Amino acid sequence: MAPGLLTEGGRFKEGLRVNDPVAVMAEGKEHALAVGVMLMSSDEVLKERKGEAIQICGFMNDGLWLMKPI
């Protein structure tokens, strides 16, 4: 949800477009906890400040995450 991207202490990259791939990071962590694609542009997120902004495609400990390297 868009409000979660705009929390105090968070960083939100400007210039993202719909369908751009993104990594979702927890504050102070080195690795992504999820990856997805933007459903809204950065400008829309900043303007609307609500709604679904990212479609999550994979997240920590899901089936893709737990796959063995090939």
PDB file of N, CA and C in Angstrom:
ATOM      1  N   MET A   1       0.834  -1.185   0.000  1.00  0.00           N
ATOM      2  CA  MET A   1       0.000   0.000   0.000  1.00  0.00           C
ATOM      3  C   MET A   1       0.880   1.251   0.000  1.00  0.00           C
ATOM      4  N   ALA A   2       0.451   2.237  -0.695  1.00  0.00           N
ATOM      5  CA  ALA A   2       1.227   3.462  -0.856  1.00  0.00           C
ATOM      6  C   ALA A   2       1.647   4.113   0.462  1.00  0.00           C
ATOM      7  N   PRO A   3       0.775   4.196   1.495  1.00  0.00           N
ATOM      8  CA  PRO A   3       1.208   4.852   2.729  1.00  0.00           C
ATOM      9  C   PRO A   3       2.460   4.207   3.348  1.00  0.00           C
ATOM     10  N   GLY A   4       2.618   2.918   3.190  1.00  0.00           N
ATOM     11  CA  GLY A   4       3.785   2.237   3.738  1.00  0.00           C
ATOM     12  C   GLY A   4       5.082   2.642   3.060  1.00  0.00           C
ATOM     13  N   LEU A   5       4.988   3.165   1.857  1.00  0.00           N
ATOM     14  CA  LEU A   5       6.181   3.619   1.135  1.00  0.00           C
ATOM     15  C   LEU A   5       6.614   5.009   1.566  1.00  0.00           C
ATOM     16  N   LEU A   6       5.747   5.706   2.253  1.00  0.00           N
ATOM     17  CA  LEU A   6       5.998   7.114   2.579  1.00  0.00           C
ATOM     18  C   LEU A   6       6.193   7.352   4.070  1.00  0.00           C
ATOM     19  N   THR A   7       6.562   6.331   4.818  1.00  0.00           N
ATOM     20  CA  THR A   7       6.719   6.468   6.258  1.00  0.00           C
ATOM     21  C   THR A   7       7.929   7.329   6.605  1.00  0.00           C
ATOM     22  N   GLU A   8       7.893   7.891   7.785  1.00  0.00           N
ATOM     23  CA  GLU A   8       9.011   8.691   8.267  1.00  0.00           C
ATOM     24  C   GLU A   8      10.250   7.815   8.357  1.00  0.00           C
ATOM     25  N   GLY A   9      11.357   8.291   7.863  1.00  0.00           N
ATOM     26  CA  GLY A   9      12.594   7.529   7.894  1.00  0.00           C
ATOM     27  C   GLY A   9      12.770   6.626   6.684  1.00  0.00           C
ATOM     28  N   GLY A  10      11.729   6.503   5.873  1.00  0.00           N
ATOM     29  CA  GLY A  10      11.817   5.663   4.682  1.00  0.00           C
ATOM     30  C   GLY A  10      12.396   6.424   3.504  1.00  0.00           C
ATOM     31  N   ARG A  11      12.796   5.676   2.507  1.00  0.00           N
ATOM     32  CA  ARG A  11      13.289   6.287   1.265  1.00  0.00           C
ATOM     33  C   ARG A  11      12.424   5.764   0.126  1.00  0.00           C
ATOM     34  N   PHE A  12      12.000   6.648  -0.724  1.00  0.00           N
ATOM     35  CA  PHE A  12      11.162   6.294  -1.856  1.00  0.00           C
ATOM     36  C   PHE A  12      11.766   6.936  -3.092  1.00  0.00           C
ATOM     37  N   LYS A  13      12.104   6.124  -4.067  1.00  0.00           N
ATOM     38  CA  LYS A  13      12.769   6.620  -5.267  1.00  0.00           C
ATOM     39  C   LYS A  13      11.775   7.319  -6.184  1.00  0.00           C
ATOM     40  N   GLU A  14      12.112   8.506  -6.608  1.00  0.00           N
ATOM     41  CA  GLU A  14      11.282   9.242  -7.560  1.00  0.00           C
ATOM     42  C   GLU A  14      11.648   8.810  -8.976  1.00  0.00           C
ATOM     43  N   GLY A  15      10.742   9.028  -9.906  1.00  0.00           N
ATOM     44  CA  GLY A  15      11.003   8.715 -11.305  1.00  0.00           C
ATOM     45  C   GLY A  15      10.626   7.299 -11.717  1.00  0.00           C
ATOM     46  N   LEU A  16      10.009   6.542 -10.803  1.00  0.00           N
ATOM     47  CA  LEU A  16       9.576   5.195 -11.161  1.00  0.00           C
ATOM     48  C   LEU A  16       8.300   5.274 -11.987  1.00  0.00           C
ATOM     49  N   ARG A  17       8.184   4.357 -12.949  1.00  0.00           N
ATOM     50  CA  ARG A  17       7.009   4.299 -13.811  1.00  0.00           C
ATOM     51  C   ARG A  17       6.244   3.011 -13.540  1.00  0.00           C
ATOM     52  N   VAL A  18       5.016   2.953 -13.990  1.00  0.00           N
ATOM     53  CA  VAL A  18       4.215   1.730 -13.895  1.00  0.00           C
ATOM     54  C   VAL A  18       4.973   0.604 -14.593  1.00  0.00           C
ATOM     55  N   ASN A  19       5.002  -0.565 -13.977  1.00  0.00           N
ATOM     56  CA  ASN A  19       5.672  -1.788 -14.443  1.00  0.00           C
ATOM     57  C   ASN A  19       7.181  -1.796 -14.227  1.00  0.00           C
ATOM     58  N   ASP A  20       7.753  -0.756 -13.624  1.00  0.00           N
ATOM     59  CA  ASP A  20       9.180  -0.802 -13.285  1.00  0.00           C
ATOM     60  C   ASP A  20       9.382  -1.817 -12.162  1.00  0.00           C
ATOM     61  N   PRO A  21      10.452  -2.629 -12.246  1.00  0.00           N
ATOM     62  CA  PRO A  21      10.740  -3.564 -11.154  1.00  0.00           C
ATOM     63  C   PRO A  21      11.297  -2.812  -9.947  1.00  0.00           C
ATOM     64  N   VAL A  22      10.949  -3.269  -8.747  1.00  0.00           N
ATOM     65  CA  VAL A  22      11.423  -2.637  -7.516  1.00  0.00           C
ATOM     66  C   VAL A  22      11.771  -3.691  -6.471  1.00  0.00           C
ATOM     67  N   ALA A  23      12.638  -3.323  -5.569  1.00  0.00           N
ATOM     68  CA  ALA A  23      12.955  -4.142  -4.397  1.00  0.00           C
ATOM     69  C   ALA A  23      12.399  -3.432  -3.171  1.00  0.00           C
ATOM     70  N   VAL A  24      11.776  -4.175  -2.288  1.00  0.00           N
ATOM     71  CA  VAL A  24      11.219  -3.625  -1.051  1.00  0.00           C
ATOM     72  C   VAL A  24      12.195  -3.955   0.065  1.00  0.00           C
ATOM     73  N   MET A  25      12.697  -2.915   0.700  1.00  0.00           N
ATOM     74  CA  MET A  25      13.712  -3.074   1.745  1.00  0.00           C
ATOM     75  C   MET A  25      13.134  -2.681   3.105  1.00  0.00           C
ATOM     76  N   ALA A  26      13.557  -3.389   4.137  1.00  0.00           N
ATOM     77  CA  ALA A  26      13.227  -2.990   5.505  1.00  0.00           C
ATOM     78  C   ALA A  26      14.293  -2.001   5.960  1.00  0.00           C
ATOM     79  N   GLU A  27      13.887  -1.003   6.696  1.00  0.00           N
ATOM     80  CA  GLU A  27      14.810   0.030   7.148  1.00  0.00           C
ATOM     81  C   GLU A  27      15.974  -0.588   7.903  1.00  0.00           C
ATOM     82  N   GLY A  28      17.178  -0.228   7.500  1.00  0.00           N
ATOM     83  CA  GLY A  28      18.384  -0.697   8.164  1.00  0.00           C
ATOM     84  C   GLY A  28      18.861  -2.077   7.735  1.00  0.00           C
ATOM     85  N   LYS A  29      18.185  -2.712   6.777  1.00  0.00           N
ATOM     86  CA  LYS A  29      18.571  -4.046   6.322  1.00  0.00           C
ATOM     87  C   LYS A  29      19.313  -3.961   5.000  1.00  0.00           C
ATOM     88  N   GLU A  30      20.175  -4.947   4.759  1.00  0.00           N
ATOM     89  CA  GLU A  30      21.012  -4.953   3.571  1.00  0.00           C
ATOM     90  C   GLU A  30      20.309  -5.584   2.367  1.00  0.00           C
ATOM     91  N   HIS A  31      19.443  -6.562   2.603  1.00  0.00           N
ATOM     92  CA  HIS A  31      18.824  -7.323   1.526  1.00  0.00           C
ATOM     93  C   HIS A  31      17.325  -7.045   1.433  1.00  0.00           C
ATOM     94  N   ALA A  32      16.796  -7.218   0.226  1.00  0.00           N
ATOM     95  CA  ALA A  32      15.369  -6.998  -0.014  1.00  0.00           C
ATOM     96  C   ALA A  32      14.533  -8.057   0.694  1.00  0.00           C
ATOM     97  N   LEU A  33      13.362  -7.662   1.170  1.00  0.00           N
ATOM     98  CA  LEU A  33      12.435  -8.637   1.746  1.00  0.00           C
ATOM     99  C   LEU A  33      11.363  -9.018   0.747  1.00  0.00           C
ATOM    100  N   ALA A  34      11.265  -8.264  -0.361  1.00  0.00           N
ATOM    101  CA  ALA A  34      10.325  -8.594  -1.428  1.00  0.00           C
ATOM    102  C   ALA A  34      10.776  -7.901  -2.717  1.00  0.00           C
ATOM    103  N   VAL A  35      10.312  -8.438  -3.838  1.00  0.00           N
ATOM    104  CA  VAL A  35      10.510  -7.806  -5.146  1.00  0.00           C
ATOM    105  C   VAL A  35       9.155  -7.754  -5.841  1.00  0.00           C
ATOM    106  N   GLY A  36       8.986  -6.752  -6.682  1.00  0.00           N
ATOM    107  CA  GLY A  36       7.709  -6.619  -7.373  1.00  0.00           C
ATOM    108  C   GLY A  36       7.798  -5.613  -8.497  1.00  0.00           C
ATOM    109  N   VAL A  37       6.641  -5.227  -9.001  1.00  0.00           N
ATOM    110  CA  VAL A  37       6.561  -4.214 -10.060  1.00  0.00           C
ATOM    111  C   VAL A  37       5.611  -3.115  -9.613  1.00  0.00           C
ATOM    112  N   MET A  38       5.898  -1.913 -10.050  1.00  0.00           N
ATOM    113  CA  MET A  38       5.086  -0.763  -9.681  1.00  0.00           C
ATOM    114  C   MET A  38       3.728  -0.806 -10.382  1.00  0.00           C
ATOM    115  N   LEU A  39       2.667  -0.595  -9.612  1.00  0.00           N
ATOM    116  CA  LEU A  39       1.315  -0.468 -10.153  1.00  0.00           C
ATOM    117  C   LEU A  39       0.932   0.997 -10.330  1.00  0.00           C
ATOM    118  N   MET A  40       1.709   1.867  -9.678  1.00  0.00           N
ATOM    119  CA  MET A  40       1.519   3.315  -9.779  1.00  0.00           C
ATOM    120  C   MET A  40       2.891   3.928 -10.036  1.00  0.00           C
ATOM    121  N   SER A  41       2.930   5.078 -10.668  1.00  0.00           N
ATOM    122  CA  SER A  41       4.199   5.785 -10.821  1.00  0.00           C
ATOM    123  C   SER A  41       4.560   6.461  -9.499  1.00  0.00           C
ATOM    124  N   SER A  42       5.805   6.880  -9.379  1.00  0.00           N
ATOM    125  CA  SER A  42       6.239   7.619  -8.185  1.00  0.00           C
ATOM    126  C   SER A  42       5.392   8.863  -7.980  1.00  0.00           C
ATOM    127  N   ASP A  43       5.130   9.570  -9.078  1.00  0.00           N
ATOM    128  CA  ASP A  43       4.319  10.787  -8.983  1.00  0.00           C
ATOM    129  C   ASP A  43       2.920  10.489  -8.456  1.00  0.00           C
ATOM    130  N   GLU A  44       2.310   9.387  -8.922  1.00  0.00           N
ATOM    131  CA  GLU A  44       0.972   9.019  -8.458  1.00  0.00           C
ATOM    132  C   GLU A  44       0.977   8.673  -6.974  1.00  0.00           C
ATOM    133  N   VAL A  45       2.009   7.945  -6.534  1.00  0.00           N
ATOM    134  CA  VAL A  45       2.108   7.572  -5.120  1.00  0.00           C
ATOM    135  C   VAL A  45       2.202   8.823  -4.261  1.00  0.00           C
ATOM    136  N   LEU A  46       3.063   9.753  -4.667  1.00  0.00           N
ATOM    137  CA  LEU A  46       3.243  10.983  -3.892  1.00  0.00           C
ATOM    138  C   LEU A  46       1.989  11.851  -3.902  1.00  0.00           C
ATOM    139  N   LYS A  47       1.256  11.837  -4.991  1.00  0.00           N
ATOM    140  CA  LYS A  47       0.039  12.654  -5.102  1.00  0.00           C
ATOM    141  C   LYS A  47      -1.132  12.009  -4.358  1.00  0.00           C
ATOM    142  N   GLU A  48      -1.384  10.744  -4.610  1.00  0.00           N
ATOM    143  CA  GLU A  48      -2.549  10.051  -4.042  1.00  0.00           C
ATOM    144  C   GLU A  48      -2.350   9.654  -2.584  1.00  0.00           C
ATOM    145  N   ARG A  49      -1.140   9.170  -2.260  1.00  0.00           N
ATOM    146  CA  ARG A  49      -0.779   8.748  -0.903  1.00  0.00           C
ATOM    147  C   ARG A  49      -1.661   7.618  -0.368  1.00  0.00           C
ATOM    148  N   LYS A  50      -2.320   6.894  -1.274  1.00  0.00           N
ATOM    149  CA  LYS A  50      -3.127   5.737  -0.876  1.00  0.00           C
ATOM    150  C   LYS A  50      -3.249   4.806  -2.081  1.00  0.00           C
ATOM    151  N   GLY A  51      -3.697   3.601  -1.828  1.00  0.00           N
ATOM    152  CA  GLY A  51      -3.893   2.643  -2.900  1.00  0.00           C
ATOM    153  C   GLY A  51      -2.760   1.632  -2.978  1.00  0.00           C
ATOM    154  N   GLU A  52      -2.935   0.660  -3.851  1.00  0.00           N
ATOM    155  CA  GLU A  52      -1.950  -0.396  -4.040  1.00  0.00           C
ATOM    156  C   GLU A  52      -0.890   0.114  -5.002  1.00  0.00           C
ATOM    157  N   ALA A  53       0.350   0.192  -4.562  1.00  0.00           N
ATOM    158  CA  ALA A  53       1.414   0.788  -5.362  1.00  0.00           C
ATOM    159  C   ALA A  53       2.348  -0.241  -5.988  1.00  0.00           C
ATOM    160  N   ILE A  54       2.476  -1.411  -5.365  1.00  0.00           N
ATOM    161  CA  ILE A  54       3.408  -2.436  -5.845  1.00  0.00           C
ATOM    162  C   ILE A  54       2.703  -3.781  -5.895  1.00  0.00           C
ATOM    163  N   GLN A  55       2.896  -4.503  -7.001  1.00  0.00           N
ATOM    164  CA  GLN A  55       2.446  -5.890  -7.073  1.00  0.00           C
ATOM    165  C   GLN A  55       3.643  -6.746  -6.681  1.00  0.00           C
ATOM    166  N   ILE A  56       3.533  -7.420  -5.556  1.00  0.00           N
ATOM    167  CA  ILE A  56       4.631  -8.247  -5.053  1.00  0.00           C
ATOM    168  C   ILE A  56       4.691  -9.535  -5.863  1.00  0.00           C
ATOM    169  N   CYS A  57       5.882  -9.852  -6.380  1.00  0.00           N
ATOM    170  CA  CYS A  57       6.083 -11.056  -7.189  1.00  0.00           C
ATOM    171  C   CYS A  57       6.803 -12.154  -6.411  1.00  0.00           C
ATOM    172  N   GLY A  58       7.589 -11.778  -5.442  1.00  0.00           N
ATOM    173  CA  GLY A  58       8.306 -12.739  -4.615  1.00  0.00           C
ATOM    174  C   GLY A  58       8.675 -12.093  -3.304  1.00  0.00           C
ATOM    175  N   PHE A  59       8.694 -12.896  -2.235  1.00  0.00           N
ATOM    176  CA  PHE A  59       9.004 -12.348  -0.919  1.00  0.00           C
ATOM    177  C   PHE A  59       9.845 -13.342  -0.131  1.00  0.00           C
ATOM    178  N   MET A  60      10.463 -12.854   0.925  1.00  0.00           N
ATOM    179  CA  MET A  60      11.357 -13.651   1.739  1.00  0.00           C
ATOM    180  C   MET A  60      10.668 -14.942   2.193  1.00  0.00           C
ATOM    181  N   ASN A  61      11.351 -16.046   1.976  1.00  0.00           N
ATOM    182  CA  ASN A  61      10.932 -17.394   2.368  1.00  0.00           C
ATOM    183  C   ASN A  61       9.764 -17.950   1.554  1.00  0.00           C
ATOM    184  N   ASP A  62       9.444 -17.375   0.401  1.00  0.00           N
ATOM    185  CA  ASP A  62       8.455 -18.004  -0.469  1.00  0.00           C
ATOM    186  C   ASP A  62       9.130 -19.114  -1.270  1.00  0.00           C
ATOM    187  N   GLY A  63       8.395 -19.781  -2.137  1.00  0.00           N
ATOM    188  CA  GLY A  63       8.949 -20.907  -2.893  1.00  0.00           C
ATOM    189  C   GLY A  63      10.129 -20.512  -3.754  1.00  0.00           C
ATOM    190  N   LEU A  64      10.061 -19.346  -4.392  1.00  0.00           N
ATOM    191  CA  LEU A  64      11.166 -18.873  -5.239  1.00  0.00           C
ATOM    192  C   LEU A  64      12.410 -18.614  -4.389  1.00  0.00           C
ATOM    193  N   TRP A  65      12.212 -17.990  -3.243  1.00  0.00           N
ATOM    194  CA  TRP A  65      13.313 -17.672  -2.342  1.00  0.00           C
ATOM    195  C   TRP A  65      14.048 -18.939  -1.898  1.00  0.00           C
ATOM    196  N   LEU A  66      13.285 -20.012  -1.654  1.00  0.00           N
ATOM    197  CA  LEU A  66      13.858 -21.245  -1.108  1.00  0.00           C
ATOM    198  C   LEU A  66      14.407 -22.196  -2.160  1.00  0.00           C
ATOM    199  N   MET A  67      14.307 -21.817  -3.445  1.00  0.00           N
ATOM    200  CA  MET A  67      14.848 -22.688  -4.510  1.00  0.00           C
ATOM    201  C   MET A  67      16.347 -22.841  -4.348  1.00  0.00           C
ATOM    202  N   LYS A  68      16.839 -24.017  -4.665  1.00  0.00           N
ATOM    203  CA  LYS A  68      18.285 -24.235  -4.669  1.00  0.00           C
ATOM    204  C   LYS A  68      18.877 -23.603  -5.929  1.00  0.00           C
ATOM    205  N   PRO A  69      20.102 -23.101  -5.842  1.00  0.00           N
ATOM    206  CA  PRO A  69      20.747 -22.527  -7.033  1.00  0.00           C
ATOM    207  C   PRO A  69      20.864 -23.570  -8.143  1.00  0.00           C
ATOM    208  N   ILE A  70      20.742 -23.114  -9.372  1.00  0.00           N
ATOM    209  CA  ILE A  70      20.885 -24.044 -10.504  1.00  0.00           C
ATOM    210  C   ILE A  70      22.148 -23.764 -11.266  1.00  0.00           C
TER     211      ILE A  70
END
